[in-house]
N, C-alpha and C. Protein backbone atom coordinates (compact mmCIF):
# COMPACT_ATOMS: atom_id res chain seq x y z
N UNK A 1 12.02 -22.64 6.32
CA UNK A 1 12.04 -22.96 4.89
C UNK A 1 10.71 -23.60 4.49
N UNK A 2 10.11 -23.07 3.45
CA UNK A 2 8.86 -23.61 2.93
C UNK A 2 9.20 -24.60 1.82
N UNK A 3 8.58 -25.78 1.84
CA UNK A 3 8.91 -26.81 0.85
C UNK A 3 7.64 -27.44 0.30
N UNK A 4 7.71 -27.82 -0.96
CA UNK A 4 6.66 -28.63 -1.61
C UNK A 4 7.15 -30.07 -1.56
N UNK A 5 6.40 -30.93 -0.87
CA UNK A 5 6.87 -32.29 -0.66
C UNK A 5 5.89 -33.31 -1.21
N UNK A 6 6.40 -34.50 -1.43
CA UNK A 6 5.58 -35.64 -1.83
C UNK A 6 5.96 -36.83 -0.97
N UNK A 7 4.99 -37.63 -0.64
CA UNK A 7 5.25 -38.84 0.13
C UNK A 7 5.61 -39.99 -0.80
N UNK A 8 6.12 -41.04 -0.23
CA UNK A 8 6.46 -42.24 -1.00
C UNK A 8 5.22 -42.88 -1.59
N UNK A 9 4.08 -42.73 -0.90
CA UNK A 9 2.82 -43.31 -1.34
C UNK A 9 1.67 -42.57 -0.67
N UNK A 10 0.45 -42.86 -1.11
CA UNK A 10 -0.73 -42.30 -0.44
C UNK A 10 -0.78 -42.78 1.00
N UNK A 11 -1.38 -41.96 1.85
CA UNK A 11 -1.44 -42.30 3.28
C UNK A 11 -2.87 -42.27 3.79
N UNK A 12 -3.11 -43.06 4.81
CA UNK A 12 -4.34 -42.97 5.61
C UNK A 12 -3.91 -42.65 7.03
N UNK A 13 -4.34 -41.47 7.51
CA UNK A 13 -3.96 -41.02 8.84
C UNK A 13 -5.21 -40.69 9.64
N UNK A 14 -5.05 -40.57 10.92
CA UNK A 14 -6.17 -40.05 11.70
C UNK A 14 -6.30 -38.57 11.40
N UNK A 15 -7.49 -38.06 11.52
CA UNK A 15 -7.72 -36.64 11.25
C UNK A 15 -6.83 -35.77 12.15
N UNK A 16 -6.68 -36.17 13.39
CA UNK A 16 -5.88 -35.40 14.33
C UNK A 16 -4.42 -35.31 13.86
N UNK A 17 -3.86 -36.41 13.38
CA UNK A 17 -2.47 -36.41 12.94
C UNK A 17 -2.30 -35.58 11.67
N UNK A 18 -3.26 -35.70 10.74
CA UNK A 18 -3.19 -34.93 9.50
C UNK A 18 -3.24 -33.43 9.79
N UNK A 19 -4.09 -33.03 10.72
CA UNK A 19 -4.18 -31.62 11.08
C UNK A 19 -2.91 -31.15 11.78
N UNK A 20 -2.35 -31.99 12.63
CA UNK A 20 -1.12 -31.62 13.34
C UNK A 20 0.03 -31.41 12.37
N UNK A 21 0.09 -32.25 11.32
CA UNK A 21 1.14 -32.12 10.32
C UNK A 21 0.81 -31.07 9.26
N UNK A 22 -0.41 -30.49 9.34
CA UNK A 22 -0.86 -29.45 8.41
C UNK A 22 -0.87 -29.93 6.97
N UNK A 23 -1.42 -31.12 6.76
CA UNK A 23 -1.50 -31.72 5.44
C UNK A 23 -2.91 -31.59 4.86
N UNK A 24 -3.00 -31.54 3.55
CA UNK A 24 -4.30 -31.58 2.88
C UNK A 24 -4.82 -33.01 2.95
N UNK A 25 -6.12 -33.15 3.20
CA UNK A 25 -6.67 -34.50 3.29
C UNK A 25 -8.09 -34.53 2.77
N UNK A 26 -8.57 -35.74 2.50
CA UNK A 26 -9.93 -35.97 2.03
C UNK A 26 -10.61 -36.96 2.95
N UNK A 27 -11.93 -36.91 2.93
CA UNK A 27 -12.69 -37.87 3.73
C UNK A 27 -12.61 -39.25 3.09
N UNK A 28 -12.60 -40.27 3.89
CA UNK A 28 -12.67 -41.64 3.36
C UNK A 28 -13.60 -42.46 4.27
N UNK A 29 -14.52 -43.17 3.64
CA UNK A 29 -15.54 -43.91 4.39
C UNK A 29 -14.99 -45.20 4.99
N UNK A 30 -14.18 -45.91 4.20
CA UNK A 30 -13.70 -47.22 4.67
C UNK A 30 -12.21 -47.35 4.43
N UNK A 31 -11.53 -47.89 5.41
CA UNK A 31 -10.10 -48.17 5.30
C UNK A 31 -9.87 -49.61 5.76
N UNK A 32 -8.75 -50.15 5.32
CA UNK A 32 -8.43 -51.52 5.71
C UNK A 32 -6.98 -51.84 5.39
N UNK A 33 -6.56 -53.04 5.81
CA UNK A 33 -5.21 -53.51 5.56
C UNK A 33 -5.21 -54.42 4.33
N UNK A 34 -4.36 -54.07 3.34
CA UNK A 34 -4.31 -54.88 2.13
C UNK A 34 -3.45 -56.12 2.34
N UNK A 35 -3.14 -56.84 1.24
CA UNK A 35 -2.40 -58.10 1.36
C UNK A 35 -0.96 -57.86 1.83
N UNK A 36 -0.48 -56.58 1.73
CA UNK A 36 0.86 -56.24 2.25
C UNK A 36 0.79 -55.70 3.67
N UNK A 37 -0.42 -55.79 4.26
CA UNK A 37 -0.66 -55.32 5.63
C UNK A 37 -0.44 -53.81 5.75
N UNK A 38 -0.72 -53.11 4.66
CA UNK A 38 -0.63 -51.65 4.65
C UNK A 38 -2.02 -51.07 4.75
N UNK A 39 -2.19 -50.10 5.64
CA UNK A 39 -3.48 -49.45 5.81
C UNK A 39 -3.73 -48.52 4.63
N UNK A 40 -4.88 -48.68 3.99
CA UNK A 40 -5.16 -47.87 2.82
C UNK A 40 -6.64 -47.55 2.68
N UNK A 41 -6.92 -46.64 1.77
CA UNK A 41 -8.30 -46.27 1.48
C UNK A 41 -8.94 -47.35 0.62
N UNK A 42 -10.16 -47.73 0.93
CA UNK A 42 -10.85 -48.78 0.19
C UNK A 42 -11.79 -48.16 -0.84
N UNK A 43 -11.64 -48.59 -2.09
CA UNK A 43 -12.55 -48.18 -3.14
C UNK A 43 -13.84 -48.98 -3.04
N UNK A 44 -14.82 -48.63 -3.85
CA UNK A 44 -16.13 -49.28 -3.77
C UNK A 44 -16.08 -50.77 -4.14
N UNK A 45 -15.05 -51.16 -4.90
CA UNK A 45 -14.94 -52.56 -5.32
C UNK A 45 -13.99 -53.36 -4.44
N UNK A 46 -13.58 -52.77 -3.29
CA UNK A 46 -12.79 -53.49 -2.30
C UNK A 46 -13.75 -54.04 -1.22
N UNK A 47 -13.36 -55.17 -0.61
CA UNK A 47 -14.22 -55.81 0.39
C UNK A 47 -13.40 -56.24 1.60
N UNK A 48 -14.07 -56.18 2.76
CA UNK A 48 -13.48 -56.82 3.93
C UNK A 48 -13.63 -58.33 3.78
N UNK A 49 -12.69 -59.04 4.34
CA UNK A 49 -12.72 -60.50 4.21
C UNK A 49 -14.00 -61.08 4.78
N UNK A 50 -14.48 -60.51 5.90
CA UNK A 50 -15.68 -61.07 6.52
C UNK A 50 -16.96 -60.73 5.76
N UNK A 51 -16.85 -59.93 4.69
CA UNK A 51 -18.00 -59.64 3.84
C UNK A 51 -18.14 -60.66 2.70
N UNK A 52 -17.16 -61.55 2.57
CA UNK A 52 -17.13 -62.50 1.46
C UNK A 52 -17.41 -63.92 1.93
N UNK A 53 -17.75 -64.73 0.98
CA UNK A 53 -17.99 -66.16 1.25
C UNK A 53 -16.76 -66.95 0.81
N UNK A 54 -16.24 -67.78 1.71
CA UNK A 54 -15.06 -68.57 1.40
C UNK A 54 -15.44 -69.97 0.94
N UNK A 55 -14.79 -70.44 -0.13
CA UNK A 55 -15.05 -71.78 -0.65
C UNK A 55 -13.79 -72.26 -1.37
N UNK A 56 -13.24 -73.36 -0.88
CA UNK A 56 -12.03 -73.95 -1.47
C UNK A 56 -10.89 -72.95 -1.50
N UNK A 57 -10.76 -72.21 -0.39
CA UNK A 57 -9.71 -71.21 -0.22
C UNK A 57 -9.82 -70.04 -1.21
N UNK A 58 -11.02 -69.86 -1.75
CA UNK A 58 -11.29 -68.73 -2.62
C UNK A 58 -12.44 -67.93 -2.03
N UNK A 59 -12.52 -66.65 -2.41
CA UNK A 59 -13.54 -65.79 -1.82
C UNK A 59 -14.47 -65.26 -2.92
N UNK A 60 -15.77 -65.21 -2.53
CA UNK A 60 -16.79 -64.84 -3.51
C UNK A 60 -17.71 -63.77 -2.92
N UNK A 61 -18.23 -62.97 -3.84
CA UNK A 61 -19.26 -62.00 -3.50
C UNK A 61 -20.36 -62.11 -4.54
N UNK A 62 -21.54 -62.56 -4.08
CA UNK A 62 -22.66 -62.80 -5.00
C UNK A 62 -22.25 -63.74 -6.13
N UNK A 63 -21.57 -64.82 -5.73
CA UNK A 63 -21.12 -65.88 -6.65
C UNK A 63 -20.04 -65.40 -7.62
N UNK A 64 -19.50 -64.21 -7.42
CA UNK A 64 -18.40 -63.73 -8.25
C UNK A 64 -17.11 -63.79 -7.46
N UNK A 65 -16.12 -64.44 -8.05
CA UNK A 65 -14.85 -64.59 -7.35
C UNK A 65 -14.13 -63.25 -7.22
N UNK A 66 -13.61 -62.98 -6.02
CA UNK A 66 -12.88 -61.74 -5.74
C UNK A 66 -11.41 -62.10 -5.54
N UNK A 67 -10.55 -61.47 -6.33
CA UNK A 67 -9.12 -61.76 -6.20
C UNK A 67 -8.59 -61.20 -4.89
N UNK A 68 -7.47 -61.75 -4.46
CA UNK A 68 -6.91 -61.37 -3.16
C UNK A 68 -6.52 -59.88 -3.12
N UNK A 69 -6.26 -59.31 -4.29
CA UNK A 69 -5.83 -57.91 -4.34
C UNK A 69 -6.92 -56.96 -3.83
N UNK A 70 -8.18 -57.38 -3.96
CA UNK A 70 -9.30 -56.53 -3.57
C UNK A 70 -9.87 -56.90 -2.20
N UNK A 71 -9.15 -57.75 -1.49
CA UNK A 71 -9.63 -58.18 -0.18
C UNK A 71 -8.81 -57.50 0.92
N UNK A 72 -9.51 -56.83 1.82
CA UNK A 72 -8.86 -56.10 2.91
C UNK A 72 -9.26 -56.68 4.25
N UNK A 73 -8.38 -56.47 5.22
CA UNK A 73 -8.67 -56.86 6.59
C UNK A 73 -9.19 -55.65 7.35
N UNK A 74 -10.24 -55.83 8.10
CA UNK A 74 -10.84 -54.73 8.84
C UNK A 74 -9.98 -54.39 10.06
N UNK A 75 -9.72 -53.10 10.29
CA UNK A 75 -8.97 -52.72 11.49
C UNK A 75 -9.73 -53.10 12.75
N UNK A 76 -9.00 -53.49 13.75
CA UNK A 76 -9.63 -53.89 15.01
C UNK A 76 -10.27 -52.68 15.70
N UNK A 77 -9.66 -51.50 15.51
CA UNK A 77 -10.20 -50.28 16.12
C UNK A 77 -10.56 -49.30 15.00
N UNK A 78 -11.79 -48.83 15.00
CA UNK A 78 -12.24 -47.86 14.00
C UNK A 78 -12.00 -46.45 14.53
N UNK A 79 -11.14 -45.72 13.82
CA UNK A 79 -10.80 -44.35 14.21
C UNK A 79 -11.31 -43.37 13.16
N UNK A 80 -11.08 -42.08 13.41
CA UNK A 80 -11.50 -41.03 12.47
C UNK A 80 -10.42 -40.88 11.41
N UNK A 81 -10.48 -41.78 10.40
CA UNK A 81 -9.44 -41.81 9.38
C UNK A 81 -9.72 -40.78 8.29
N UNK A 82 -8.63 -40.27 7.68
CA UNK A 82 -8.72 -39.41 6.50
C UNK A 82 -7.68 -39.87 5.49
N UNK A 83 -7.90 -39.47 4.24
CA UNK A 83 -7.03 -39.91 3.14
C UNK A 83 -6.13 -38.76 2.72
N UNK A 84 -4.82 -39.00 2.68
CA UNK A 84 -3.82 -38.00 2.29
C UNK A 84 -3.17 -38.43 0.99
N UNK A 85 -3.32 -37.60 -0.05
CA UNK A 85 -2.72 -37.95 -1.34
C UNK A 85 -1.20 -37.84 -1.27
N UNK A 86 -0.58 -38.48 -2.23
CA UNK A 86 0.87 -38.61 -2.21
C UNK A 86 1.60 -37.29 -2.40
N UNK A 87 1.12 -36.40 -3.26
CA UNK A 87 1.91 -35.24 -3.66
C UNK A 87 1.23 -33.91 -3.38
N UNK A 88 2.01 -32.83 -3.63
CA UNK A 88 1.54 -31.44 -3.55
C UNK A 88 1.14 -31.01 -2.15
N UNK A 89 2.09 -31.08 -1.23
CA UNK A 89 1.86 -30.60 0.13
C UNK A 89 2.90 -29.53 0.45
N UNK A 90 2.43 -28.34 0.85
CA UNK A 90 3.32 -27.26 1.28
C UNK A 90 3.51 -27.34 2.79
N UNK A 91 4.76 -27.39 3.23
CA UNK A 91 5.02 -27.55 4.66
C UNK A 91 6.16 -26.64 5.09
N UNK A 92 6.19 -26.38 6.38
CA UNK A 92 7.35 -25.73 7.00
C UNK A 92 8.39 -26.82 7.22
N UNK A 93 9.37 -26.88 6.36
CA UNK A 93 10.26 -28.04 6.30
C UNK A 93 10.99 -28.31 7.60
N UNK A 94 11.51 -27.27 8.24
CA UNK A 94 12.29 -27.47 9.46
C UNK A 94 11.44 -28.13 10.56
N UNK A 95 10.21 -27.66 10.69
CA UNK A 95 9.33 -28.26 11.70
C UNK A 95 8.83 -29.62 11.24
N UNK A 96 8.48 -29.74 9.97
CA UNK A 96 7.88 -30.97 9.45
C UNK A 96 8.86 -32.14 9.53
N UNK A 97 10.11 -31.89 9.20
CA UNK A 97 11.10 -32.97 9.21
C UNK A 97 11.29 -33.56 10.60
N UNK A 98 11.09 -32.75 11.62
CA UNK A 98 11.27 -33.23 12.99
C UNK A 98 10.03 -33.96 13.52
N UNK A 99 8.88 -33.73 12.90
CA UNK A 99 7.64 -34.26 13.44
C UNK A 99 6.96 -35.30 12.57
N UNK A 100 7.43 -35.49 11.34
CA UNK A 100 6.80 -36.44 10.43
C UNK A 100 7.55 -37.78 10.48
N UNK A 101 6.81 -38.86 10.60
CA UNK A 101 7.41 -40.20 10.66
C UNK A 101 7.26 -40.98 9.35
N UNK A 102 6.85 -40.29 8.29
CA UNK A 102 6.61 -40.96 7.01
C UNK A 102 7.65 -40.51 5.99
N UNK A 103 8.00 -41.42 5.09
CA UNK A 103 8.99 -41.11 4.07
C UNK A 103 8.44 -40.08 3.09
N UNK A 104 9.20 -39.02 2.87
CA UNK A 104 8.76 -37.98 1.92
C UNK A 104 9.96 -37.46 1.15
N UNK A 105 9.64 -36.78 0.04
CA UNK A 105 10.68 -36.22 -0.83
C UNK A 105 10.40 -34.74 -1.04
N UNK A 106 11.46 -33.95 -1.15
CA UNK A 106 11.33 -32.52 -1.37
C UNK A 106 11.30 -32.26 -2.88
N UNK A 107 10.19 -31.69 -3.36
CA UNK A 107 10.09 -31.35 -4.78
C UNK A 107 10.72 -29.97 -5.04
N UNK A 108 10.36 -28.99 -4.22
CA UNK A 108 10.89 -27.64 -4.32
C UNK A 108 10.95 -27.05 -2.93
N UNK A 109 11.82 -26.06 -2.77
CA UNK A 109 11.89 -25.40 -1.46
C UNK A 109 12.25 -23.93 -1.65
N UNK A 110 11.77 -23.11 -0.72
CA UNK A 110 12.04 -21.68 -0.72
C UNK A 110 12.47 -21.30 0.68
N UNK A 111 13.61 -20.64 0.76
CA UNK A 111 14.09 -20.21 2.06
C UNK A 111 13.29 -19.02 2.52
N UNK A 112 12.73 -19.10 3.70
CA UNK A 112 11.95 -17.98 4.26
C UNK A 112 12.60 -17.52 5.55
N UNK A 113 12.37 -16.26 5.86
CA UNK A 113 12.97 -15.69 7.05
C UNK A 113 11.87 -15.21 7.98
N UNK A 114 11.76 -15.81 9.13
CA UNK A 114 10.74 -15.41 10.09
C UNK A 114 11.05 -14.02 10.63
N UNK A 115 10.06 -13.12 10.66
CA UNK A 115 10.32 -11.78 11.20
C UNK A 115 10.59 -11.83 12.69
N UNK A 116 11.63 -11.15 13.13
CA UNK A 116 11.95 -11.07 14.55
C UNK A 116 11.64 -9.66 15.04
N UNK A 117 11.69 -9.50 16.35
CA UNK A 117 11.45 -8.18 16.94
C UNK A 117 12.50 -7.19 16.43
N UNK A 118 13.76 -7.65 16.30
CA UNK A 118 14.82 -6.78 15.82
C UNK A 118 14.58 -6.37 14.37
N UNK A 119 14.14 -7.35 13.54
CA UNK A 119 13.89 -7.05 12.13
C UNK A 119 12.75 -6.05 11.98
N UNK A 120 11.69 -6.25 12.75
CA UNK A 120 10.53 -5.36 12.68
C UNK A 120 10.91 -3.95 13.13
N UNK A 121 11.69 -3.86 14.23
CA UNK A 121 12.11 -2.56 14.73
C UNK A 121 13.00 -1.84 13.72
N UNK A 122 13.89 -2.62 13.08
CA UNK A 122 14.77 -2.04 12.06
C UNK A 122 13.96 -1.51 10.88
N UNK A 123 12.94 -2.28 10.49
CA UNK A 123 12.08 -1.85 9.38
C UNK A 123 11.33 -0.57 9.74
N UNK A 124 10.82 -0.50 10.96
CA UNK A 124 10.10 0.70 11.40
C UNK A 124 11.01 1.91 11.44
N UNK A 125 12.27 1.70 11.88
CA UNK A 125 13.23 2.80 11.91
C UNK A 125 13.53 3.31 10.51
N UNK A 126 13.63 2.36 9.55
CA UNK A 126 13.90 2.74 8.16
C UNK A 126 12.75 3.55 7.59
N UNK A 127 11.51 3.09 7.86
CA UNK A 127 10.33 3.81 7.38
C UNK A 127 10.27 5.21 7.98
N UNK A 128 10.57 5.31 9.27
CA UNK A 128 10.54 6.61 9.95
C UNK A 128 11.58 7.56 9.34
N UNK A 129 12.78 7.04 9.06
CA UNK A 129 13.83 7.87 8.48
C UNK A 129 13.45 8.34 7.08
N UNK A 130 12.86 7.43 6.28
CA UNK A 130 12.42 7.81 4.93
C UNK A 130 11.33 8.87 4.99
N UNK A 131 10.44 8.74 5.96
CA UNK A 131 9.37 9.73 6.12
C UNK A 131 9.93 11.10 6.46
N UNK A 132 10.93 11.13 7.34
CA UNK A 132 11.56 12.40 7.71
C UNK A 132 12.23 13.04 6.49
N UNK A 133 12.88 12.22 5.66
CA UNK A 133 13.54 12.76 4.47
C UNK A 133 12.53 13.34 3.48
N UNK A 134 11.39 12.64 3.32
CA UNK A 134 10.34 13.14 2.43
C UNK A 134 9.78 14.45 2.93
N UNK A 135 9.49 14.52 4.24
CA UNK A 135 8.95 15.75 4.82
C UNK A 135 9.94 16.91 4.68
N UNK A 136 11.24 16.60 4.85
CA UNK A 136 12.26 17.64 4.71
C UNK A 136 12.32 18.15 3.28
N UNK A 137 12.22 17.22 2.32
CA UNK A 137 12.23 17.61 0.90
C UNK A 137 11.03 18.47 0.56
N UNK A 138 9.86 18.10 1.11
CA UNK A 138 8.64 18.88 0.87
C UNK A 138 8.78 20.30 1.42
N UNK A 139 9.37 20.41 2.60
CA UNK A 139 9.57 21.73 3.20
C UNK A 139 10.49 22.59 2.34
N UNK A 140 11.57 21.98 1.85
CA UNK A 140 12.52 22.74 1.01
C UNK A 140 11.85 23.18 -0.28
N UNK A 141 11.08 22.28 -0.89
CA UNK A 141 10.39 22.60 -2.14
C UNK A 141 9.37 23.71 -1.94
N UNK A 142 8.64 23.64 -0.81
CA UNK A 142 7.63 24.68 -0.55
C UNK A 142 8.27 26.03 -0.34
N UNK A 143 9.47 26.07 0.26
CA UNK A 143 10.17 27.33 0.46
C UNK A 143 10.69 27.90 -0.85
N UNK A 144 11.08 27.01 -1.76
CA UNK A 144 11.65 27.46 -3.03
C UNK A 144 10.59 27.83 -4.05
N UNK A 145 9.38 27.34 -3.88
CA UNK A 145 8.34 27.57 -4.89
C UNK A 145 7.24 28.50 -4.42
N UNK A 146 7.43 29.13 -3.25
CA UNK A 146 6.42 30.07 -2.76
C UNK A 146 7.11 31.31 -2.20
N UNK A 147 6.74 32.44 -2.72
CA UNK A 147 7.30 33.72 -2.27
C UNK A 147 6.47 34.23 -1.09
N UNK A 148 7.07 34.18 0.11
CA UNK A 148 6.35 34.58 1.31
C UNK A 148 6.04 36.08 1.33
N UNK A 149 6.90 36.90 0.70
CA UNK A 149 6.73 38.35 0.75
C UNK A 149 5.47 38.80 0.01
N UNK A 150 5.26 38.26 -1.17
CA UNK A 150 4.11 38.70 -1.98
C UNK A 150 3.02 37.63 -2.08
N UNK A 151 3.25 36.50 -1.38
CA UNK A 151 2.26 35.43 -1.30
C UNK A 151 1.87 34.87 -2.67
N UNK A 152 2.86 34.55 -3.50
CA UNK A 152 2.59 33.94 -4.80
C UNK A 152 3.55 32.78 -5.00
N UNK A 153 3.12 31.82 -5.83
CA UNK A 153 3.96 30.68 -6.15
C UNK A 153 5.02 31.06 -7.17
N UNK A 154 6.16 30.41 -7.05
CA UNK A 154 7.27 30.63 -7.97
C UNK A 154 7.36 29.43 -8.91
N UNK A 155 7.59 29.68 -10.20
CA UNK A 155 7.68 28.60 -11.17
C UNK A 155 8.79 27.62 -10.83
N UNK A 156 8.56 26.36 -11.05
CA UNK A 156 9.54 25.33 -10.75
C UNK A 156 10.51 25.10 -11.89
N UNK A 157 11.21 23.96 -11.85
CA UNK A 157 12.23 23.65 -12.84
C UNK A 157 11.67 23.47 -14.24
N UNK A 158 10.38 23.14 -14.35
CA UNK A 158 9.79 22.92 -15.67
C UNK A 158 9.83 24.18 -16.52
N UNK A 159 9.82 25.33 -15.88
CA UNK A 159 9.74 26.59 -16.62
C UNK A 159 10.96 26.82 -17.50
N UNK A 160 12.10 26.24 -17.14
CA UNK A 160 13.32 26.46 -17.91
C UNK A 160 13.30 25.67 -19.22
N UNK A 161 12.34 24.78 -19.39
CA UNK A 161 12.25 24.01 -20.64
C UNK A 161 11.43 24.73 -21.70
N UNK A 162 10.70 25.79 -21.32
CA UNK A 162 9.86 26.49 -22.29
C UNK A 162 10.74 27.34 -23.22
N UNK A 163 10.45 27.31 -24.50
CA UNK A 163 11.17 28.16 -25.46
C UNK A 163 10.23 29.03 -26.29
N UNK A 164 8.93 29.00 -25.93
CA UNK A 164 7.96 29.80 -26.66
C UNK A 164 6.92 30.33 -25.68
N UNK A 165 6.58 31.59 -25.80
CA UNK A 165 5.63 32.25 -24.90
C UNK A 165 4.42 32.75 -25.67
N UNK A 166 3.33 32.89 -24.90
CA UNK A 166 2.09 33.39 -25.50
C UNK A 166 1.33 34.21 -24.46
N UNK A 167 0.78 35.35 -24.87
CA UNK A 167 -0.02 36.19 -23.98
C UNK A 167 -1.48 36.14 -24.43
N UNK A 168 -2.36 35.78 -23.50
CA UNK A 168 -3.80 35.75 -23.79
C UNK A 168 -4.47 36.84 -22.96
N UNK A 169 -5.00 37.86 -23.63
CA UNK A 169 -5.64 38.99 -22.95
C UNK A 169 -7.12 38.69 -22.71
N UNK A 170 -7.57 39.00 -21.49
CA UNK A 170 -9.00 38.89 -21.18
C UNK A 170 -9.56 37.54 -21.67
N UNK A 171 -8.90 36.47 -21.28
CA UNK A 171 -9.13 35.14 -21.88
C UNK A 171 -10.19 34.38 -21.09
N UNK A 172 -11.18 33.85 -21.83
CA UNK A 172 -12.20 33.01 -21.18
C UNK A 172 -11.67 31.59 -21.01
N UNK A 173 -12.33 30.80 -20.17
CA UNK A 173 -11.85 29.44 -19.87
C UNK A 173 -11.93 28.52 -21.07
N UNK A 174 -12.93 28.70 -21.94
CA UNK A 174 -13.03 27.86 -23.12
C UNK A 174 -11.84 28.06 -24.04
N UNK A 175 -11.47 29.31 -24.27
CA UNK A 175 -10.33 29.61 -25.12
C UNK A 175 -9.03 29.12 -24.47
N UNK A 176 -8.95 29.30 -23.13
CA UNK A 176 -7.77 28.84 -22.41
C UNK A 176 -7.61 27.32 -22.51
N UNK A 177 -8.73 26.59 -22.44
CA UNK A 177 -8.68 25.14 -22.55
C UNK A 177 -8.16 24.71 -23.92
N UNK A 178 -8.56 25.44 -24.95
CA UNK A 178 -8.07 25.13 -26.30
C UNK A 178 -6.56 25.26 -26.37
N UNK A 179 -6.04 26.32 -25.74
CA UNK A 179 -4.59 26.53 -25.74
C UNK A 179 -3.87 25.42 -24.95
N UNK A 180 -4.46 25.01 -23.85
CA UNK A 180 -3.87 23.92 -23.06
C UNK A 180 -3.84 22.62 -23.87
N UNK A 181 -4.92 22.39 -24.62
CA UNK A 181 -4.97 21.20 -25.48
C UNK A 181 -3.88 21.24 -26.55
N UNK A 182 -3.46 22.45 -26.93
CA UNK A 182 -2.43 22.61 -27.95
C UNK A 182 -1.02 22.57 -27.37
N UNK A 183 -0.92 22.28 -26.10
CA UNK A 183 0.40 22.10 -25.50
C UNK A 183 0.91 23.25 -24.68
N UNK A 184 0.15 24.35 -24.60
CA UNK A 184 0.57 25.49 -23.80
C UNK A 184 0.34 25.20 -22.32
N UNK A 185 1.18 25.78 -21.45
CA UNK A 185 1.03 25.64 -20.01
C UNK A 185 1.04 27.02 -19.36
N UNK A 186 0.29 27.16 -18.29
CA UNK A 186 0.13 28.46 -17.63
C UNK A 186 1.39 28.79 -16.82
N UNK A 187 1.98 29.92 -17.13
CA UNK A 187 3.12 30.41 -16.36
C UNK A 187 2.66 31.41 -15.30
N UNK A 188 1.73 32.29 -15.70
CA UNK A 188 1.26 33.30 -14.76
C UNK A 188 -0.18 33.68 -15.08
N UNK A 189 -0.94 33.98 -14.02
CA UNK A 189 -2.30 34.47 -14.14
C UNK A 189 -2.30 35.92 -13.65
N UNK A 190 -2.64 36.86 -14.53
CA UNK A 190 -2.57 38.28 -14.20
C UNK A 190 -3.99 38.86 -14.12
N UNK A 191 -4.48 39.02 -12.93
CA UNK A 191 -5.82 39.58 -12.73
C UNK A 191 -5.77 41.10 -12.94
N UNK A 192 -6.66 41.61 -13.81
CA UNK A 192 -6.67 43.04 -14.15
C UNK A 192 -7.85 43.73 -13.44
N UNK A 193 -7.65 44.98 -13.03
CA UNK A 193 -8.70 45.69 -12.29
C UNK A 193 -9.85 46.17 -13.17
N UNK A 194 -9.64 46.24 -14.47
CA UNK A 194 -10.66 46.85 -15.33
C UNK A 194 -11.24 45.90 -16.36
N UNK A 195 -11.13 44.58 -16.14
CA UNK A 195 -11.71 43.62 -17.08
C UNK A 195 -12.26 42.42 -16.33
N UNK A 196 -13.24 41.75 -16.98
CA UNK A 196 -13.95 40.65 -16.33
C UNK A 196 -13.07 39.41 -16.14
N UNK A 197 -12.13 39.18 -17.09
CA UNK A 197 -11.34 37.95 -17.04
C UNK A 197 -9.85 38.30 -16.99
N UNK A 198 -9.05 37.42 -16.40
CA UNK A 198 -7.62 37.74 -16.27
C UNK A 198 -6.86 37.54 -17.58
N UNK A 199 -5.65 38.07 -17.59
CA UNK A 199 -4.71 37.77 -18.67
C UNK A 199 -3.88 36.55 -18.25
N UNK A 200 -3.43 35.80 -19.24
CA UNK A 200 -2.62 34.62 -18.97
C UNK A 200 -1.34 34.68 -19.76
N UNK A 201 -0.24 34.38 -19.11
CA UNK A 201 1.03 34.17 -19.80
C UNK A 201 1.25 32.67 -19.89
N UNK A 202 1.37 32.17 -21.11
CA UNK A 202 1.50 30.74 -21.35
C UNK A 202 2.88 30.41 -21.88
N UNK A 203 3.31 29.20 -21.68
CA UNK A 203 4.59 28.76 -22.20
C UNK A 203 4.53 27.31 -22.64
N UNK A 204 5.40 26.97 -23.57
CA UNK A 204 5.50 25.57 -24.01
C UNK A 204 6.86 25.35 -24.65
N UNK A 205 7.19 24.06 -24.81
CA UNK A 205 8.41 23.72 -25.54
C UNK A 205 8.02 23.34 -26.96
N UNK A 206 8.59 24.06 -27.92
CA UNK A 206 8.30 23.82 -29.33
C UNK A 206 9.59 23.36 -30.01
N UNK A 207 9.71 22.04 -30.31
CA UNK A 207 10.96 21.54 -30.91
C UNK A 207 11.19 22.06 -32.33
N UNK A 208 10.15 22.60 -32.98
CA UNK A 208 10.27 23.08 -34.36
C UNK A 208 10.35 24.60 -34.44
N UNK A 209 10.59 25.24 -33.31
CA UNK A 209 10.61 26.71 -33.27
C UNK A 209 11.78 27.26 -34.08
N UNK A 210 11.49 28.21 -34.95
CA UNK A 210 12.52 28.91 -35.72
C UNK A 210 12.95 30.14 -34.92
N UNK A 211 14.05 30.01 -34.20
CA UNK A 211 14.44 31.07 -33.28
C UNK A 211 14.88 32.34 -34.01
N UNK A 212 15.25 32.23 -35.25
CA UNK A 212 15.72 33.41 -35.97
C UNK A 212 14.55 34.31 -36.39
N UNK A 213 13.38 33.71 -36.62
CA UNK A 213 12.23 34.48 -37.04
C UNK A 213 11.23 34.73 -35.92
N UNK A 214 11.53 34.22 -34.72
CA UNK A 214 10.61 34.35 -33.59
C UNK A 214 11.16 35.43 -32.67
N UNK A 215 10.66 36.66 -32.83
CA UNK A 215 11.18 37.77 -32.03
C UNK A 215 10.29 38.18 -30.88
N UNK A 216 9.01 37.78 -30.92
CA UNK A 216 8.11 38.18 -29.87
C UNK A 216 7.20 37.05 -29.46
N UNK A 217 6.48 37.25 -28.38
CA UNK A 217 5.55 36.24 -27.91
C UNK A 217 4.31 36.18 -28.78
N UNK A 218 3.66 35.07 -28.80
CA UNK A 218 2.43 34.91 -29.57
C UNK A 218 1.30 35.61 -28.87
N UNK A 219 0.25 35.92 -29.66
CA UNK A 219 -0.93 36.58 -29.09
C UNK A 219 -2.16 35.74 -29.41
């Protein structure tokens, strides 16, 4: 399960731990323990206690008093720290919940399914079966649309929608293109032995055709 999580607060972790938990992180130059003894990222206006001058139980920097809120204790051991923001972390929830020791909340989650060998094999079998069905359909269509005896193609199902025919004798390609632009489609190409260009039988569906006055094909 993939989840978008947020922590209870910003965190300072070692780089190694942040990478192990697969969290987004930023570089931080200085970290320290605040007055609540919580390790945190230090801003430019935060100071280690040993950087300040103490006088009458108050702390100063360049004669300016620094409140206790901005005073941090330096860690005894300096490690490779990084800064982890509180929100917007995508994690593998099942693994993360077992390995994370920090309080976090789930904002959103999506159930994911890891592919297994069985799932992949099943998918491959399905693809193979679909491919066989497509190839079988192509074979059937090729047998139905090609006359092996005379080696010519046979018109498909579209031909039954035509209700108007046209014969173009000795037709050049420019004239034929004009007819195609007008909605005509080629039904047959008839090559003649005694002319430079073939004859064409064209067809189209004309929703406004007056069948009572249309007795012959167009020319």
